[in-house]
């Protein structure tokens, strides 16, 4: 069995952040940090990937992110909250890595 490709997913997120895009990260934060991604744990911060599944605010009230990086939805989005947001707002798959799907907002936010 192949390992999860945190490296590629993190590099995608780092590039998106460098372009000024907003990123929600739904995966373990430790590998993201290891690969150099800045993380915001409880509410979004400019220039940092937001760990949406640990949010202390209702994520429905937040501006839509440009990029959503999702790993193992059963663990990181168990109620399907972010997946519903993606479906309602026409997010599209931008990339796939082992155990990761990268989604981008069709509106280009």
C-alpha atoms as a PDB file:
ATOM      1  CA  UNK A   1       0.000   0.000   0.000  1.00  0.00           C
ATOM      2  CA  UNK A   2       1.301   3.434  -0.920  1.00  0.00           C
ATOM      3  CA  UNK A   3       1.660   6.188   1.636  1.00  0.00           C
ATOM      4  CA  UNK A   4      -0.380   9.354   1.612  1.00  0.00           C
ATOM      5  CA  UNK A   5       1.300  12.014  -0.507  1.00  0.00           C
ATOM      6  CA  UNK A   6       1.466  14.846   2.011  1.00  0.00           C
ATOM      7  CA  UNK A   7       4.505  16.321   0.270  1.00  0.00           C
ATOM      8  CA  UNK A   8       2.707  17.011  -3.024  1.00  0.00           C
ATOM      9  CA  UNK A   9      -0.461  18.213  -1.296  1.00  0.00           C
ATOM     10  CA  UNK A  10       1.521  20.567   0.947  1.00  0.00           C
ATOM     11  CA  UNK A  11       3.493  21.952  -1.990  1.00  0.00           C
ATOM     12  CA  UNK A  12       0.242  22.630  -3.859  1.00  0.00           C
ATOM     13  CA  UNK A  13      -1.050  24.505  -0.813  1.00  0.00           C
ATOM     14  CA  UNK A  14       2.188  26.449  -0.337  1.00  0.00           C
ATOM     15  CA  UNK A  15       2.099  27.549  -3.989  1.00  0.00           C
ATOM     16  CA  UNK A  16      -1.544  28.624  -3.677  1.00  0.00           C
ATOM     17  CA  UNK A  17      -0.765  30.634  -0.533  1.00  0.00           C
ATOM     18  CA  UNK A  18       2.196  32.280  -2.279  1.00  0.00           C
ATOM     19  CA  UNK A  19      -0.231  33.381  -5.035  1.00  0.00           C
ATOM     20  CA  UNK A  20      -2.409  35.051  -2.377  1.00  0.00           C
ATOM     21  CA  UNK A  21      -5.099  32.383  -2.502  1.00  0.00           C
ATOM     22  CA  UNK A  22      -6.960  31.109   0.560  1.00  0.00           C
ATOM     23  CA  UNK A  23      -6.491  27.464   1.494  1.00  0.00           C
ATOM     24  CA  UNK A  24      -8.474  25.159   3.748  1.00  0.00           C
ATOM     25  CA  UNK A  25      -6.452  22.121   4.800  1.00  0.00           C
ATOM     26  CA  UNK A  26      -8.442  19.071   5.882  1.00  0.00           C
ATOM     27  CA  UNK A  27      -5.685  16.680   6.848  1.00  0.00           C
ATOM     28  CA  UNK A  28      -3.177  16.219   9.627  1.00  0.00           C
ATOM     29  CA  UNK A  29      -1.325  19.444  10.308  1.00  0.00           C
ATOM     30  CA  UNK A  30       1.989  17.865  11.324  1.00  0.00           C
ATOM     31  CA  UNK A  31       3.111  16.760   7.834  1.00  0.00           C
ATOM     32  CA  UNK A  32       1.996  20.122   6.402  1.00  0.00           C
ATOM     33  CA  UNK A  33       4.190  21.927   8.910  1.00  0.00           C
ATOM     34  CA  UNK A  34       7.048  19.513   8.216  1.00  0.00           C
ATOM     35  CA  UNK A  35       6.893  20.414   4.511  1.00  0.00           C
ATOM     36  CA  UNK A  36       6.918  24.144   5.285  1.00  0.00           C
ATOM     37  CA  UNK A  37       3.266  25.193   5.234  1.00  0.00           C
ATOM     38  CA  UNK A  38       2.118  27.848   7.692  1.00  0.00           C
ATOM     39  CA  UNK A  39      -1.027  26.763   9.523  1.00  0.00           C
ATOM     40  CA  UNK A  40      -3.930  28.574  11.207  1.00  0.00           C
ATOM     41  CA  UNK A  41      -5.682  26.246  13.633  1.00  0.00           C
ATOM     42  CA  UNK A  42      -8.896  27.820  14.855  1.00  0.00           C
ATOM     43  CA  UNK A  43      -9.812  30.617  12.461  1.00  0.00           C
ATOM     44  CA  UNK A  44      -8.481  31.701   9.064  1.00  0.00           C
ATOM     45  CA  UNK A  45      -5.394  33.903   8.846  1.00  0.00           C
ATOM     46  CA  UNK A  46      -3.952  35.540   5.748  1.00  0.00           C
ATOM     47  CA  UNK A  47      -1.064  33.558   4.278  1.00  0.00           C
ATOM     48  CA  UNK A  48      -1.795  30.412   6.294  1.00  0.00           C
ATOM     49  CA  UNK A  49      -3.665  27.219   5.506  1.00  0.00           C
ATOM     50  CA  UNK A  50      -6.736  26.981   7.717  1.00  0.00           C
ATOM     51  CA  UNK A  51      -7.376  23.689   9.497  1.00  0.00           C
ATOM     52  CA  UNK A  52     -11.116  23.834   8.788  1.00  0.00           C
ATOM     53  CA  UNK A  53     -12.099  20.726  10.743  1.00  0.00           C
ATOM     54  CA  UNK A  54     -10.782  22.336  13.962  1.00  0.00           C
ATOM     55  CA  UNK A  55     -12.647  25.588  13.406  1.00  0.00           C
ATOM     56  CA  UNK A  56     -13.969  27.469  16.411  1.00  0.00           C
ATOM     57  CA  UNK A  57     -16.263  29.460  14.122  1.00  0.00           C
ATOM     58  CA  UNK A  58     -19.132  28.282  11.942  1.00  0.00           C
ATOM     59  CA  UNK A  59     -17.362  27.682   8.630  1.00  0.00           C
ATOM     60  CA  UNK A  60     -20.595  28.499   6.781  1.00  0.00           C
ATOM     61  CA  UNK A  61     -20.061  32.132   7.839  1.00  0.00           C
ATOM     62  CA  UNK A  62     -16.544  32.315   6.366  1.00  0.00           C
ATOM     63  CA  UNK A  63     -15.663  33.529   2.881  1.00  0.00           C
ATOM     64  CA  UNK A  64     -15.230  30.630   0.481  1.00  0.00           C
ATOM     65  CA  UNK A  65     -11.625  29.500   0.125  1.00  0.00           C
ATOM     66  CA  UNK A  66      -9.862  29.367  -3.224  1.00  0.00           C
ATOM     67  CA  UNK A  67      -8.447  25.907  -2.525  1.00  0.00           C
ATOM     68  CA  UNK A  68      -9.594  22.994  -0.383  1.00  0.00           C
ATOM     69  CA  UNK A  69      -7.116  20.206   0.252  1.00  0.00           C
ATOM     70  CA  UNK A  70      -8.981  17.122   1.477  1.00  0.00           C
ATOM     71  CA  UNK A  71      -7.513  13.915   2.854  1.00  0.00           C
ATOM     72  CA  UNK A  72      -9.647  11.026   4.087  1.00  0.00           C
ATOM     73  CA  UNK A  73     -13.053  12.722   4.345  1.00  0.00           C
ATOM     74  CA  UNK A  74     -14.244  10.133   6.874  1.00  0.00           C
ATOM     75  CA  UNK A  75     -11.630  11.485   9.313  1.00  0.00           C
ATOM     76  CA  UNK A  76     -11.297  15.153   8.382  1.00  0.00           C
ATOM     77  CA  UNK A  77     -14.858  15.976   7.280  1.00  0.00           C
ATOM     78  CA  UNK A  78     -16.913  13.270   9.019  1.00  0.00           C
ATOM     79  CA  UNK A  79     -20.234  15.132   8.763  1.00  0.00           C
ATOM     80  CA  UNK A  80     -19.621  16.171   5.160  1.00  0.00           C
ATOM     81  CA  UNK A  81     -19.793  19.862   6.004  1.00  0.00           C
ATOM     82  CA  UNK A  82     -16.983  20.968   3.706  1.00  0.00           C
ATOM     83  CA  UNK A  83     -18.028  18.528   1.002  1.00  0.00           C
ATOM     84  CA  UNK A  84     -21.509  20.114   1.009  1.00  0.00           C
ATOM     85  CA  UNK A  85     -19.949  23.574   0.722  1.00  0.00           C
ATOM     86  CA  UNK A  86     -17.913  22.350  -2.247  1.00  0.00           C
ATOM     87  CA  UNK A  87     -20.964  20.849  -3.962  1.00  0.00           C
ATOM     88  CA  UNK A  88     -23.105  23.951  -3.407  1.00  0.00           C
ATOM     89  CA  UNK A  89     -20.398  26.239  -4.777  1.00  0.00           C
ATOM     90  CA  UNK A  90     -19.246  24.209  -7.776  1.00  0.00           C
ATOM     91  CA  UNK A  91     -15.703  23.398  -6.665  1.00  0.00           C
ATOM     92  CA  UNK A  92     -13.732  21.393  -9.201  1.00  0.00           C
ATOM     93  CA  UNK A  93     -10.933  18.875  -8.821  1.00  0.00           C
ATOM     94  CA  UNK A  94      -7.600  20.547  -9.566  1.00  0.00           C
ATOM     95  CA  UNK A  95      -5.272  17.695  -8.629  1.00  0.00           C
ATOM     96  CA  UNK A  96      -5.159  14.244  -7.073  1.00  0.00           C
ATOM     97  CA  UNK A  97      -2.351  12.777  -5.046  1.00  0.00           C
ATOM     98  CA  UNK A  98      -2.269   9.522  -3.087  1.00  0.00           C
ATOM     99  CA  UNK A  99      -5.169   9.848  -0.577  1.00  0.00           C
ATOM    100  CA  UNK A 100      -5.659  13.580  -1.383  1.00  0.00           C
ATOM    101  CA  UNK A 101      -8.017  15.502  -3.630  1.00  0.00           C
ATOM    102  CA  UNK A 102      -7.343  19.186  -4.254  1.00  0.00           C
ATOM    103  CA  UNK A 103     -10.440  21.272  -5.042  1.00  0.00           C
ATOM    104  CA  UNK A 104     -10.567  24.804  -6.418  1.00  0.00           C
ATOM    105  CA  UNK A 105     -13.414  27.268  -6.436  1.00  0.00           C
ATOM    106  CA  UNK A 106     -14.854  27.618  -9.929  1.00  0.00           C
ATOM    107  CA  UNK A 107     -15.559  31.293  -9.176  1.00  0.00           C
ATOM    108  CA  UNK A 108     -11.828  31.839  -8.708  1.00  0.00           C
ATOM    109  CA  UNK A 109     -12.131  33.295  -5.196  1.00  0.00           C
END
